[in-house]
Protein backbone atom coordinates (compact mmCIF):
# COMPACT_ATOMS: atom_id res chain seq x y z
CA MET A 1 351.03 20.75 52.45
CA SER A 2 354.31 19.59 50.90
CA SER A 3 357.56 21.38 51.70
CA GLU A 4 357.80 22.58 48.08
CA MET A 5 354.33 24.11 48.24
CA LEU A 6 355.18 25.72 51.57
CA MET A 7 358.36 27.21 50.07
CA ASP A 8 356.36 28.54 47.12
CA LEU A 9 353.78 30.07 49.46
CA ARG A 10 356.52 31.77 51.47
CA ALA A 11 358.16 33.03 48.29
CA LEU A 12 354.84 34.35 46.97
CA ILE A 13 354.10 36.17 50.21
CA SER A 14 357.64 37.57 50.29
CA ALA A 15 357.38 38.84 46.71
CA ILE A 16 354.08 40.55 47.48
CA VAL A 17 355.50 42.07 50.68
CA VAL A 18 358.51 43.42 48.76
CA CYS A 19 356.26 45.10 46.18
CA GLU A 20 353.74 46.40 48.71
CA GLY A 21 356.74 47.59 50.74
CA ALA A 22 357.87 49.76 47.84
CA GLY A 23 354.42 51.29 47.95
CA GLY A 24 354.75 51.73 51.69
CA VAL A 25 357.99 53.66 51.26
CA GLY A 26 356.23 55.93 48.80
CA ALA A 27 353.28 56.32 51.16
CA LEU A 28 355.56 57.59 53.94
CA VAL A 29 356.52 60.53 51.74
CA THR A 30 353.14 60.91 50.07
CA GLY A 31 350.93 61.06 53.17
CA PRO A 32 352.02 64.42 54.57
CA ALA A 33 352.19 66.13 51.16
CA VAL A 34 348.72 64.89 50.18
CA ARG A 35 347.30 66.75 53.18
CA THR A 36 349.34 69.95 52.77
CA TRP A 37 351.05 70.66 49.43
CA TYR A 38 349.09 68.58 46.90
CA PRO A 39 345.62 70.09 47.53
CA GLY A 40 346.96 73.52 46.57
CA LEU A 41 348.15 72.42 43.13
CA ARG A 42 346.19 73.14 39.99
CA LYS A 43 345.10 69.84 38.46
CA PRO A 44 343.64 68.84 35.08
CA ALA A 45 339.98 67.96 34.67
CA PHE A 46 340.86 64.27 34.36
CA ASN A 47 342.48 64.16 37.81
CA PRO A 48 340.79 61.29 39.67
CA PRO A 49 339.55 61.69 43.24
CA SER A 50 342.32 61.21 45.81
CA TRP A 51 340.68 58.17 47.42
CA ILE A 52 341.18 56.09 44.25
CA PHE A 53 344.99 56.03 44.39
CA ALA A 54 345.50 53.80 47.46
CA PRO A 55 343.24 50.91 46.35
CA VAL A 56 344.55 51.03 42.77
CA TRP A 57 348.17 50.96 43.89
CA THR A 58 347.48 48.21 46.43
CA VAL A 59 346.09 45.98 43.68
CA LEU A 60 348.89 46.89 41.28
CA TYR A 61 351.56 46.06 43.86
CA LEU A 62 349.80 42.75 44.52
CA LEU A 63 349.89 41.92 40.80
CA MET A 64 353.53 42.99 40.64
CA GLY A 65 354.30 40.68 43.56
CA VAL A 66 352.66 37.71 41.86
CA SER A 67 354.54 38.56 38.66
CA LEU A 68 357.80 38.75 40.58
CA PHE A 69 357.09 35.38 42.22
CA LEU A 70 356.29 33.67 38.91
CA THR A 71 359.58 34.85 37.44
CA TRP A 72 361.62 34.17 40.57
CA ARG A 73 360.23 30.64 40.77
CA ARG A 74 361.74 29.87 37.33
CA ARG A 75 365.19 31.26 38.16
CA SER A 76 366.90 27.86 38.35
CA LEU A 77 365.24 26.58 35.16
CA GLU A 78 365.45 29.63 32.97
CA ALA A 79 368.65 31.62 32.38
CA ARG A 80 366.55 34.59 31.27
CA ALA A 81 364.99 34.89 34.74
CA ALA A 82 368.00 36.70 36.27
CA PRO A 83 367.95 39.64 33.81
CA ALA A 84 364.17 39.88 34.19
CA LEU A 85 364.52 40.02 37.96
CA ARG A 86 367.19 42.73 37.71
CA ILE A 87 365.09 44.97 35.47
CA PHE A 88 362.07 44.33 37.72
CA THR A 89 364.13 45.54 40.68
CA LEU A 90 365.17 48.65 38.77
CA GLN A 91 361.60 49.56 37.86
CA LEU A 92 360.48 48.99 41.46
CA LEU A 93 363.17 51.40 42.68
CA LEU A 94 362.14 53.96 40.04
CA ASN A 95 358.55 53.53 41.21
CA ALA A 96 359.48 54.35 44.82
CA LEU A 97 361.70 57.22 43.65
CA TRP A 98 358.75 58.86 41.89
CA SER A 99 356.93 59.44 45.20
CA MET A 100 360.06 60.93 46.72
CA LEU A 101 360.48 63.31 43.79
CA PHE A 102 356.84 64.31 43.35
CA PHE A 103 355.67 64.46 46.96
CA GLY A 104 358.92 64.56 48.95
CA LEU A 105 360.79 67.15 46.88
CA LYS A 106 357.51 68.61 45.57
CA SER A 107 358.92 68.49 42.06
CA PRO A 108 356.45 67.43 39.37
CA ARG A 109 359.19 68.19 36.83
CA PHE A 110 361.75 65.73 38.22
CA ALA A 111 358.98 63.24 38.95
CA PHE A 112 357.92 63.40 35.30
CA MET A 113 361.49 62.68 34.20
CA ASP A 114 361.49 59.67 36.53
CA ILE A 115 358.12 58.41 35.29
CA VAL A 116 359.31 58.49 31.67
CA ILE A 117 362.27 56.30 32.64
CA LEU A 118 359.97 54.15 34.81
CA TRP A 119 357.58 53.65 31.88
CA ALA A 120 360.46 52.44 29.69
CA ALA A 121 361.69 50.17 32.49
CA ILE A 122 358.21 48.64 32.82
CA ILE A 123 358.16 47.92 29.08
CA LEU A 124 361.59 46.29 29.35
CA THR A 125 360.44 44.33 32.42
CA ILE A 126 357.35 43.03 30.63
CA ARG A 127 359.45 42.04 27.63
CA ALA A 128 362.07 40.27 29.78
CA MET A 129 359.45 38.54 31.92
CA TYR A 130 357.47 37.40 28.90
CA ARG A 131 360.44 35.20 27.96
CA VAL A 132 360.29 33.56 31.41
CA SER A 133 356.64 33.68 32.48
CA ARG A 134 353.96 34.89 30.10
CA VAL A 135 351.43 35.11 32.93
CA GLY A 136 353.93 37.09 34.98
CA ALA A 137 354.40 39.53 32.12
CA LEU A 138 350.68 39.89 31.48
CA LEU A 139 350.07 40.68 35.15
CA LEU A 140 352.16 43.82 34.65
CA LEU A 141 349.94 45.24 31.89
CA PRO A 142 347.50 47.00 34.27
CA TYR A 143 350.54 48.58 35.94
CA LEU A 144 351.77 49.84 32.57
CA VAL A 145 348.34 51.30 31.78
CA TRP A 146 348.13 53.03 35.17
CA VAL A 147 351.67 54.42 34.94
CA SER A 148 350.85 55.69 31.44
CA PHE A 149 347.86 57.54 32.89
CA ALA A 150 349.93 58.71 35.87
CA GLY A 151 352.55 60.04 33.47
CA LEU A 152 349.95 62.13 31.64
CA LEU A 153 348.57 63.36 34.95
CA ASN A 154 352.07 64.18 36.22
CA LEU A 155 352.85 66.11 33.01
CA ALA A 156 349.61 68.05 33.22
CA ILE A 157 350.21 68.99 36.87
CA TRP A 158 353.76 70.05 36.10
CA ARG A 159 352.63 72.25 33.19
CA LEU A 160 349.69 73.75 35.11
CA ASN A 161 351.90 74.67 38.06
CA ALA A 162 355.13 75.69 36.30
């Protein structure tokens, strides 16, 4: 394996670890609340079973990591990579913040406000990444779809428990 390929492999793994790590931060806050507070909430009929969230988020964070890598890899060739990486970082922080607001503070209201901003940040991220790596941008589409669904679910839970 060439040194360039080895560097790319390390960068890819690092990007995936960063994204999965954001999920891990959220999981630290989510775990206790899922066993205590969350089961007592009223939920809409379209609420999926709890077991679905971990595998879906694991795959989404993997796709986000690959997307991040594809954009990061073009940073020296493409001036538009730096803004795309900055907005990606912002949306990743907003993603982790959502878990802290919803499960940590037990505030579906504040979490919904965050998810609206997160949704807009994902759109901006996809748009910025599309200019750098079309594949990287397209890999974020399932994330956008899931966050759209999560936003509706969050809103419904907030309204049902207000």
